[in-house]
Amino acid sequence: MSAKKSDGIVETIKTIFWALVIAGVFRTLFFQPFWIPSGSMKDTLLIGDFLFVNKMAYGYSRYSCPFAICPISGRIFASEPERGDVVVFRHPTSGSDYIKRLIGLPGDTIQMNAGVLQINGEPVKLEPAGLFEEIKEPQGPERRPPYCTNDPVGLGGVCEKERFRETLPNGVTHDVLNIRTSSVDDTPIFTVPEGHYFFMGDNRDNSQDSRVSVIGGGVGMLPAEYLIGRADRIMFSSAGRSLFFFWTWRSDRFFKAIE
């Protein structure tokens, strides 16, 4: 092998190495890509939405790094999240990254009463917002069909869910979906401990969140150190099994702000 060819290989290896380092630093400190894998945040986020998570929003903890390898105790450069933020966080036991809406702040009391969210003893404003409709078909890489209010619906039929506009105490408004009466429509009163947060999915009857304890398969009260970042905008969206299926792209969701 000539010296010239050997030098070329070394330079290529160096280029790849530094590209990986730069990409790792960018992902750790600034923005993390995230695909929406489930329907727990419909209709705010759909399966196949792709976004970048703003990791600067709340500061950094050990979970800001892949595999939780950051040598950080607690949080540094910490900023408090706001009620209504759509947040990506690390699940305390499974190690998976989840995305939910922040509902309860430290010191809040949270309860669901007949399907209506109550914060600090007051029901939130809830207004009918028509029906959310989608095709009953396998969705995303997991190929799971959606749950429907009008079930049974055959594959290819129109799947309907009741949609409501919910307004939180700080004025943040967003849509929530209702499929059926479920066990999490009526809950005990939860008091959010200091340094913890309470999260819920917008698709209220199809979300494992803080209404269910970690032992029961939910999220429970989430310690602040598990926060990863805030989701602000959808960059790309595909309704198909792969992003390369261009005929399934949802161009109306490209660069859409997340409410």
C-alpha atoms as a PDB file:
ATOM      1  CA  MET A   1       0.000   0.000   0.000  1.00  0.00           C
ATOM      2  CA  SER A   2       1.434   3.381  -0.963  1.00  0.00           C
ATOM      3  CA  ALA A   3       2.049   6.071   1.645  1.00  0.00           C
ATOM      4  CA  LYS A   4      -0.404   8.333  -0.199  1.00  0.00           C
ATOM      5  CA  LYS A   5      -3.226   5.767  -0.014  1.00  0.00           C
ATOM      6  CA  SER A   6      -2.429   5.066   3.669  1.00  0.00           C
ATOM      7  CA  ASP A   7      -2.598   8.784   4.477  1.00  0.00           C
ATOM      8  CA  GLY A   8      -5.970   8.967   2.713  1.00  0.00           C
ATOM      9  CA  ILE A   9      -7.411   6.162   4.852  1.00  0.00           C
ATOM     10  CA  VAL A  10      -6.134   7.816   8.046  1.00  0.00           C
ATOM     11  CA  GLU A  11      -7.701  11.138   7.051  1.00  0.00           C
ATOM     12  CA  THR A  12     -11.013   9.399   6.309  1.00  0.00           C
ATOM     13  CA  ILE A  13     -10.974   7.727   9.726  1.00  0.00           C
ATOM     14  CA  LYS A  14     -10.202  11.064  11.386  1.00  0.00           C
ATOM     15  CA  THR A  15     -13.049  12.752   9.519  1.00  0.00           C
ATOM     16  CA  ILE A  16     -15.528  10.051  10.544  1.00  0.00           C
ATOM     17  CA  PHE A  17     -14.305  10.183  14.149  1.00  0.00           C
ATOM     18  CA  TRP A  18     -14.684  13.945  14.487  1.00  0.00           C
ATOM     19  CA  ALA A  19     -18.039  13.878  12.706  1.00  0.00           C
ATOM     20  CA  LEU A  20     -19.278  11.358  15.292  1.00  0.00           C
ATOM     21  CA  VAL A  21     -17.887  13.465  18.150  1.00  0.00           C
ATOM     22  CA  ILE A  22     -19.583  16.617  16.841  1.00  0.00           C
ATOM     23  CA  ALA A  23     -22.868  14.739  16.309  1.00  0.00           C
ATOM     24  CA  GLY A  24     -22.648  13.312  19.845  1.00  0.00           C
ATOM     25  CA  VAL A  25     -22.017  16.736  21.383  1.00  0.00           C
ATOM     26  CA  PHE A  26     -24.866  18.261  19.362  1.00  0.00           C
ATOM     27  CA  ARG A  27     -27.262  15.495  20.436  1.00  0.00           C
ATOM     28  CA  THR A  28     -26.202  15.709  24.077  1.00  0.00           C
ATOM     29  CA  LEU A  29     -26.231  19.483  24.531  1.00  0.00           C
ATOM     30  CA  PHE A  30     -28.671  20.919  22.035  1.00  0.00           C
ATOM     31  CA  PHE A  31     -31.238  18.834  20.139  1.00  0.00           C
ATOM     32  CA  GLN A  32     -32.188  15.152  20.216  1.00  0.00           C
ATOM     33  CA  PRO A  33     -34.170  13.561  17.373  1.00  0.00           C
ATOM     34  CA  PHE A  34     -37.344  11.753  18.436  1.00  0.00           C
ATOM     35  CA  TRP A  35     -39.854   9.671  16.498  1.00  0.00           C
ATOM     36  CA  ILE A  36     -43.398   9.351  17.853  1.00  0.00           C
ATOM     37  CA  PRO A  37     -43.897   5.586  18.267  1.00  0.00           C
ATOM     38  CA  SER A  38     -47.396   5.437  19.794  1.00  0.00           C
ATOM     39  CA  GLY A  39     -50.764   7.165  19.770  1.00  0.00           C
ATOM     40  CA  SER A  40     -50.712   8.380  23.389  1.00  0.00           C
ATOM     41  CA  MET A  41     -50.423  12.058  22.355  1.00  0.00           C
ATOM     42  CA  LYS A  42     -53.031  12.158  19.569  1.00  0.00           C
ATOM     43  CA  ASP A  43     -54.149  14.419  18.086  1.00  0.00           C
ATOM     44  CA  THR A  44     -51.312  16.762  19.085  1.00  0.00           C
ATOM     45  CA  LEU A  45     -48.740  14.221  17.891  1.00  0.00           C
ATOM     46  CA  LEU A  46     -49.374  11.372  15.482  1.00  0.00           C
ATOM     47  CA  ILE A  47     -47.509   8.110  15.074  1.00  0.00           C
ATOM     48  CA  GLY A  48     -44.708   8.816  12.618  1.00  0.00           C
ATOM     49  CA  ASP A  49     -44.164  12.466  13.542  1.00  0.00           C
ATOM     50  CA  PHE A  50     -40.476  13.347  13.734  1.00  0.00           C
ATOM     51  CA  LEU A  51     -39.197  16.175  15.910  1.00  0.00           C
ATOM     52  CA  PHE A  52     -36.128  17.561  17.607  1.00  0.00           C
ATOM     53  CA  VAL A  53     -36.230  17.855  21.389  1.00  0.00           C
ATOM     54  CA  ASN A  54     -34.815  21.103  22.790  1.00  0.00           C
ATOM     55  CA  LYS A  55     -32.397  19.839  25.455  1.00  0.00           C
ATOM     56  CA  MET A  56     -31.403  23.354  26.518  1.00  0.00           C
ATOM     57  CA  ALA A  57     -34.916  24.099  27.808  1.00  0.00           C
ATOM     58  CA  TYR A  58     -34.613  22.539  31.281  1.00  0.00           C
ATOM     59  CA  GLY A  59     -30.879  22.081  31.823  1.00  0.00           C
ATOM     60  CA  TYR A  60     -28.964  18.827  31.982  1.00  0.00           C
ATOM     61  CA  SER A  61     -28.780  15.668  34.061  1.00  0.00           C
ATOM     62  CA  ARG A  62     -27.154  12.266  33.640  1.00  0.00           C
ATOM     63  CA  TYR A  63     -30.096  11.313  31.401  1.00  0.00           C
ATOM     64  CA  SER A  64     -29.202  14.030  28.904  1.00  0.00           C
ATOM     65  CA  CYS A  65     -26.531  11.672  27.563  1.00  0.00           C
ATOM     66  CA  PRO A  66     -27.164   8.428  25.685  1.00  0.00           C
ATOM     67  CA  PHE A  67     -27.246   5.476  28.098  1.00  0.00           C
ATOM     68  CA  ALA A  68     -27.327   7.964  31.036  1.00  0.00           C
ATOM     69  CA  ILE A  69     -23.536   8.194  31.037  1.00  0.00           C
ATOM     70  CA  CYS A  70     -23.210  11.916  31.837  1.00  0.00           C
ATOM     71  CA  PRO A  71     -21.266  12.307  35.119  1.00  0.00           C
ATOM     72  CA  ILE A  72     -23.842  14.750  36.503  1.00  0.00           C
ATOM     73  CA  SER A  73     -25.488  14.663  39.930  1.00  0.00           C
ATOM     74  CA  GLY A  74     -28.952  16.252  39.930  1.00  0.00           C
ATOM     75  CA  ARG A  75     -29.438  18.944  37.269  1.00  0.00           C
ATOM     76  CA  ILE A  76     -27.167  21.730  36.074  1.00  0.00           C
ATOM     77  CA  PHE A  77     -28.230  24.968  34.342  1.00  0.00           C
ATOM     78  CA  ALA A  78     -31.737  23.945  35.415  1.00  0.00           C
ATOM     79  CA  SER A  79     -34.857  25.855  34.322  1.00  0.00           C
ATOM     80  CA  GLU A  80     -38.354  25.049  35.508  1.00  0.00           C
ATOM     81  CA  PRO A  81     -40.724  23.594  32.900  1.00  0.00           C
ATOM     82  CA  GLU A  82     -44.111  25.231  32.448  1.00  0.00           C
ATOM     83  CA  ARG A  83     -47.503  23.615  32.790  1.00  0.00           C
ATOM     84  CA  GLY A  84     -48.677  22.491  29.365  1.00  0.00           C
ATOM     85  CA  ASP A  85     -45.203  21.860  27.928  1.00  0.00           C
ATOM     86  CA  VAL A  86     -44.857  18.733  25.804  1.00  0.00           C
ATOM     87  CA  VAL A  87     -41.852  17.012  27.347  1.00  0.00           C
ATOM     88  CA  VAL A  88     -39.587  14.086  26.524  1.00  0.00           C
ATOM     89  CA  PHE A  89     -38.302  12.269  29.600  1.00  0.00           C
ATOM     90  CA  ARG A  90     -36.616   9.022  30.579  1.00  0.00           C
ATOM     91  CA  HIS A  91     -38.903   6.431  32.170  1.00  0.00           C
ATOM     92  CA  PRO A  92     -37.619   5.729  35.713  1.00  0.00           C
ATOM     93  CA  THR A  93     -37.545   1.939  35.365  1.00  0.00           C
ATOM     94  CA  SER A  94     -37.762   0.896  31.708  1.00  0.00           C
ATOM     95  CA  GLY A  95     -35.082   3.320  30.490  1.00  0.00           C
ATOM     96  CA  SER A  96     -37.231   4.212  27.457  1.00  0.00           C
ATOM     97  CA  ASP A  97     -37.848   7.795  26.366  1.00  0.00           C
ATOM     98  CA  TYR A  98     -41.479   8.929  26.738  1.00  0.00           C
ATOM     99  CA  ILE A  99     -43.280  12.037  25.511  1.00  0.00           C
ATOM    100  CA  LYS A 100     -46.240  13.478  27.456  1.00  0.00           C
ATOM    101  CA  ARG A 101     -47.778  16.786  28.471  1.00  0.00           C
ATOM    102  CA  LEU A 102     -46.798  18.369  31.776  1.00  0.00           C
ATOM    103  CA  ILE A 103     -49.964  18.750  33.854  1.00  0.00           C
ATOM    104  CA  GLY A 104     -48.900  18.971  37.496  1.00  0.00           C
ATOM    105  CA  LEU A 105     -46.146  21.066  39.098  1.00  0.00           C
ATOM    106  CA  PRO A 106     -44.587  20.499  42.528  1.00  0.00           C
ATOM    107  CA  GLY A 107     -47.195  21.074  45.248  1.00  0.00           C
ATOM    108  CA  ASP A 108     -50.207  20.689  42.925  1.00  0.00           C
ATOM    109  CA  THR A 109     -53.083  18.333  43.552  1.00  0.00           C
ATOM    110  CA  ILE A 110     -54.281  16.460  40.463  1.00  0.00           C
ATOM    111  CA  GLN A 111     -57.408  14.366  40.018  1.00  0.00           C
ATOM    112  CA  MET A 112     -59.542  12.980  37.217  1.00  0.00           C
ATOM    113  CA  ASN A 113     -63.259  13.136  37.987  1.00  0.00           C
ATOM    114  CA  ALA A 114     -65.644  11.604  35.421  1.00  0.00           C
ATOM    115  CA  GLY A 115     -63.044  12.205  32.727  1.00  0.00           C
ATOM    116  CA  VAL A 116     -62.490  15.870  33.631  1.00  0.00           C
ATOM    117  CA  LEU A 117     -59.083  17.013  34.835  1.00  0.00           C
ATOM    118  CA  GLN A 118     -59.034  18.881  38.144  1.00  0.00           C
ATOM    119  CA  ILE A 119     -55.995  20.906  39.227  1.00  0.00           C
ATOM    120  CA  ASN A 120     -55.838  22.137  42.810  1.00  0.00           C
ATOM    121  CA  GLY A 121     -59.504  21.323  43.303  1.00  0.00           C
ATOM    122  CA  GLU A 122     -60.744  23.223  40.228  1.00  0.00           C
ATOM    123  CA  PRO A 123     -61.950  21.548  37.009  1.00  0.00           C
ATOM    124  CA  VAL A 124     -60.206  22.784  33.879  1.00  0.00           C
ATOM    125  CA  LYS A 125     -62.212  24.364  31.096  1.00  0.00           C
ATOM    126  CA  LEU A 126     -63.310  21.689  28.614  1.00  0.00           C
ATOM    127  CA  GLU A 127     -65.155  22.447  25.375  1.00  0.00           C
ATOM    128  CA  PRO A 128     -66.369  20.074  22.623  1.00  0.00           C
ATOM    129  CA  ALA A 129     -64.145  20.305  19.532  1.00  0.00           C
ATOM    130  CA  GLY A 130     -65.811  17.892  17.105  1.00  0.00           C
ATOM    131  CA  LEU A 131     -64.591  14.433  16.173  1.00  0.00           C
ATOM    132  CA  PHE A 132     -61.071  13.245  15.489  1.00  0.00           C
ATOM    133  CA  GLU A 133     -61.187  10.856  12.531  1.00  0.00           C
ATOM    134  CA  GLU A 134     -58.578   8.497  11.134  1.00  0.00           C
ATOM    135  CA  ILE A 135     -58.561   5.313   9.077  1.00  0.00           C
ATOM    136  CA  LYS A 136     -58.731   2.063  11.020  1.00  0.00           C
ATOM    137  CA  GLU A 137     -55.510   0.475   9.812  1.00  0.00           C
ATOM    138  CA  PRO A 138     -52.191  -0.754  11.246  1.00  0.00           C
ATOM    139  CA  GLN A 139     -50.062   2.253  12.172  1.00  0.00           C
ATOM    140  CA  GLY A 140     -46.321   2.829  12.483  1.00  0.00           C
ATOM    141  CA  PRO A 141     -43.558   0.220  12.769  1.00  0.00           C
ATOM    142  CA  GLU A 142     -45.519  -1.694  15.425  1.00  0.00           C
ATOM    143  CA  ARG A 143     -48.510  -1.961  13.042  1.00  0.00           C
ATOM    144  CA  ARG A 144     -51.129  -1.464  15.740  1.00  0.00           C
ATOM    145  CA  PRO A 145     -54.612  -0.295  14.707  1.00  0.00           C
ATOM    146  CA  PRO A 146     -56.128   2.584  16.698  1.00  0.00           C
ATOM    147  CA  TYR A 147     -58.900   2.330  19.288  1.00  0.00           C
ATOM    148  CA  CYS A 148     -62.179   3.932  18.228  1.00  0.00           C
ATOM    149  CA  THR A 149     -65.217   5.343  20.011  1.00  0.00           C
ATOM    150  CA  ASN A 150     -67.380   3.831  17.277  1.00  0.00           C
ATOM    151  CA  ASP A 151     -65.862   0.322  17.484  1.00  0.00           C
ATOM    152  CA  PRO A 152     -66.337  -2.225  16.088  1.00  0.00           C
ATOM    153  CA  VAL A 153     -64.876  -0.693  12.933  1.00  0.00           C
ATOM    154  CA  GLY A 154     -63.456  -2.868  10.171  1.00  0.00           C
ATOM    155  CA  LEU A 155     -60.022  -2.251   8.690  1.00  0.00           C
ATOM    156  CA  GLY A 156     -60.265   0.576   6.208  1.00  0.00           C
ATOM    157  CA  GLY A 157     -63.247   2.130   7.996  1.00  0.00           C
ATOM    158  CA  VAL A 158     -63.387   5.555   9.628  1.00  0.00           C
ATOM    159  CA  CYS A 159     -62.266   5.447  13.268  1.00  0.00           C
ATOM    160  CA  GLU A 160     -63.778   8.203  15.426  1.00  0.00           C
ATOM    161  CA  LYS A 161     -62.791   9.673  18.789  1.00  0.00           C
ATOM    162  CA  GLU A 162     -64.463  12.469  20.737  1.00  0.00           C
ATOM    163  CA  ARG A 163     -62.285  15.589  20.805  1.00  0.00           C
ATOM    164  CA  PHE A 164     -62.311  18.362  23.405  1.00  0.00           C
ATOM    165  CA  ARG A 165     -60.409  21.613  23.810  1.00  0.00           C
ATOM    166  CA  GLU A 166     -58.816  21.737  27.262  1.00  0.00           C
ATOM    167  CA  THR A 167     -57.571  24.962  28.854  1.00  0.00           C
ATOM    168  CA  LEU A 168     -55.066  24.725  31.710  1.00  0.00           C
ATOM    169  CA  PRO A 169     -54.941  27.300  34.556  1.00  0.00           C
ATOM    170  CA  ASN A 170     -52.070  29.201  32.905  1.00  0.00           C
ATOM    171  CA  GLY A 171     -54.043  29.608  29.669  1.00  0.00           C
ATOM    172  CA  VAL A 172     -52.363  26.855  27.632  1.00  0.00           C
ATOM    173  CA  THR A 173     -54.958  25.199  25.385  1.00  0.00           C
ATOM    174  CA  HIS A 174     -54.713  21.884  23.572  1.00  0.00           C
ATOM    175  CA  ASP A 175     -56.901  19.076  22.265  1.00  0.00           C
ATOM    176  CA  VAL A 176     -57.574  15.899  24.200  1.00  0.00           C
ATOM    177  CA  LEU A 177     -59.298  12.762  22.962  1.00  0.00           C
ATOM    178  CA  ASN A 178     -61.830  10.500  24.630  1.00  0.00           C
ATOM    179  CA  ILE A 179     -62.407   6.932  23.488  1.00  0.00           C
ATOM    180  CA  ARG A 180     -64.462   5.349  26.240  1.00  0.00           C
ATOM    181  CA  THR A 181     -65.052   5.278  29.986  1.00  0.00           C
ATOM    182  CA  SER A 182     -61.888   3.857  31.508  1.00  0.00           C
ATOM    183  CA  SER A 183     -60.331   3.166  34.895  1.00  0.00           C
ATOM    184  CA  VAL A 184     -58.229   6.358  34.717  1.00  0.00           C
ATOM    185  CA  ASP A 185     -61.270   8.615  34.172  1.00  0.00           C
ATOM    186  CA  ASP A 186     -61.763   8.621  37.959  1.00  0.00           C
ATOM    187  CA  THR A 187     -58.695   8.715  40.173  1.00  0.00           C
ATOM    188  CA  PRO A 188     -57.753   9.514  43.751  1.00  0.00           C
ATOM    189  CA  ILE A 189     -56.240  12.916  44.464  1.00  0.00           C
ATOM    190  CA  PHE A 190     -52.527  12.970  43.649  1.00  0.00           C
ATOM    191  CA  THR A 191     -50.272  15.467  45.435  1.00  0.00           C
ATOM    192  CA  VAL A 192     -47.147  16.216  43.405  1.00  0.00           C
ATOM    193  CA  PRO A 193     -44.053  16.101  45.672  1.00  0.00           C
ATOM    194  CA  GLU A 194     -41.341  18.746  45.614  1.00  0.00           C
ATOM    195  CA  GLY A 195     -38.915  18.167  42.759  1.00  0.00           C
ATOM    196  CA  HIS A 196     -41.417  16.006  40.828  1.00  0.00           C
ATOM    197  CA  TYR A 197     -43.866  16.448  37.951  1.00  0.00           C
ATOM    198  CA  PHE A 198     -47.157  14.924  36.827  1.00  0.00           C
ATOM    199  CA  PHE A 199     -47.577  13.986  33.160  1.00  0.00           C
ATOM    200  CA  MET A 200     -50.532  12.888  31.047  1.00  0.00           C
ATOM    201  CA  GLY A 201     -51.057  11.923  27.415  1.00  0.00           C
ATOM    202  CA  ASP A 202     -53.515  13.934  25.319  1.00  0.00           C
ATOM    203  CA  ASN A 203     -55.120  10.670  24.145  1.00  0.00           C
ATOM    204  CA  ARG A 204     -56.438  10.192  27.644  1.00  0.00           C
ATOM    205  CA  ASP A 205     -57.771   6.628  27.359  1.00  0.00           C
ATOM    206  CA  ASN A 206     -54.684   5.299  25.595  1.00  0.00           C
ATOM    207  CA  SER A 207     -51.779   6.602  27.669  1.00  0.00           C
ATOM    208  CA  GLN A 208     -49.618   5.076  30.384  1.00  0.00           C
ATOM    209  CA  ASP A 209     -48.748   8.161  32.396  1.00  0.00           C
ATOM    210  CA  SER A 210     -48.611   9.620  35.924  1.00  0.00           C
ATOM    211  CA  ARG A 211     -52.133   8.465  36.716  1.00  0.00           C
ATOM    212  CA  VAL A 212     -50.673   4.972  37.082  1.00  0.00           C
ATOM    213  CA  SER A 213     -47.720   4.179  39.361  1.00  0.00           C
ATOM    214  CA  VAL A 214     -44.455   2.852  38.004  1.00  0.00           C
ATOM    215  CA  ILE A 215     -45.226  -0.482  39.655  1.00  0.00           C
ATOM    216  CA  GLY A 216     -48.528  -0.579  37.756  1.00  0.00           C
ATOM    217  CA  GLY A 217     -46.797   0.069  34.429  1.00  0.00           C
ATOM    218  CA  GLY A 218     -47.227   3.835  34.343  1.00  0.00           C
ATOM    219  CA  VAL A 219     -44.926   6.785  34.973  1.00  0.00           C
ATOM    220  CA  GLY A 220     -45.924   7.849  38.477  1.00  0.00           C
ATOM    221  CA  MET A 221     -44.577  11.117  39.901  1.00  0.00           C
ATOM    222  CA  LEU A 222     -41.533  11.868  37.788  1.00  0.00           C
ATOM    223  CA  PRO A 223     -38.369  13.230  39.484  1.00  0.00           C
ATOM    224  CA  ALA A 224     -36.923  16.296  37.750  1.00  0.00           C
ATOM    225  CA  GLU A 225     -33.640  14.572  36.890  1.00  0.00           C
ATOM    226  CA  TYR A 226     -35.426  12.401  34.308  1.00  0.00           C
ATOM    227  CA  LEU A 227     -36.445  15.390  32.149  1.00  0.00           C
ATOM    228  CA  ILE A 228     -34.681  15.423  28.778  1.00  0.00           C
ATOM    229  CA  GLY A 229     -36.165  18.359  26.897  1.00  0.00           C
ATOM    230  CA  ARG A 230     -39.129  20.181  25.393  1.00  0.00           C
ATOM    231  CA  ALA A 231     -40.779  19.345  22.071  1.00  0.00           C
ATOM    232  CA  ASP A 232     -41.551  22.566  20.203  1.00  0.00           C
ATOM    233  CA  ARG A 233     -42.073  21.744  16.547  1.00  0.00           C
ATOM    234  CA  ILE A 234     -42.752  18.765  14.270  1.00  0.00           C
ATOM    235  CA  MET A 235     -40.100  18.694  11.550  1.00  0.00           C
ATOM    236  CA  PHE A 236     -41.357  15.817   9.417  1.00  0.00           C
ATOM    237  CA  SER A 237     -44.172  13.273   9.419  1.00  0.00           C
ATOM    238  CA  SER A 238     -44.834   9.959   7.741  1.00  0.00           C
ATOM    239  CA  ALA A 239     -47.906   7.767   8.117  1.00  0.00           C
ATOM    240  CA  GLY A 240     -46.131   4.707   6.738  1.00  0.00           C
ATOM    241  CA  ARG A 241     -43.930   2.015   8.168  1.00  0.00           C
ATOM    242  CA  SER A 242     -40.812   3.764   6.878  1.00  0.00           C
ATOM    243  CA  LEU A 243     -39.860   7.377   6.193  1.00  0.00           C
ATOM    244  CA  PHE A 244     -38.759   6.230   2.719  1.00  0.00           C
ATOM    245  CA  PHE A 245     -42.409   5.583   1.767  1.00  0.00           C
ATOM    246  CA  PHE A 246     -42.773   9.093   0.347  1.00  0.00           C
ATOM    247  CA  TRP A 247     -46.407   8.507  -0.652  1.00  0.00           C
ATOM    248  CA  THR A 248     -47.278   8.328   3.062  1.00  0.00           C
ATOM    249  CA  TRP A 249     -45.664  11.668   3.991  1.00  0.00           C
ATOM    250  CA  ARG A 250     -47.949  14.171   5.756  1.00  0.00           C
ATOM    251  CA  SER A 251     -46.709  17.410   4.217  1.00  0.00           C
ATOM    252  CA  ASP A 252     -49.306  19.451   6.143  1.00  0.00           C
ATOM    253  CA  ARG A 253     -47.464  18.534   9.373  1.00  0.00           C
ATOM    254  CA  PHE A 254     -43.970  19.565   8.241  1.00  0.00           C
ATOM    255  CA  PHE A 255     -42.564  22.306  10.564  1.00  0.00           C
ATOM    256  CA  LYS A 256     -45.833  22.430  12.507  1.00  0.00           C
ATOM    257  CA  ALA A 257     -45.637  24.088  15.938  1.00  0.00           C
ATOM    258  CA  ILE A 258     -46.636  21.876  18.878  1.00  0.00           C
ATOM    259  CA  GLU A 259     -49.370  23.382  21.037  1.00  0.00           C
END
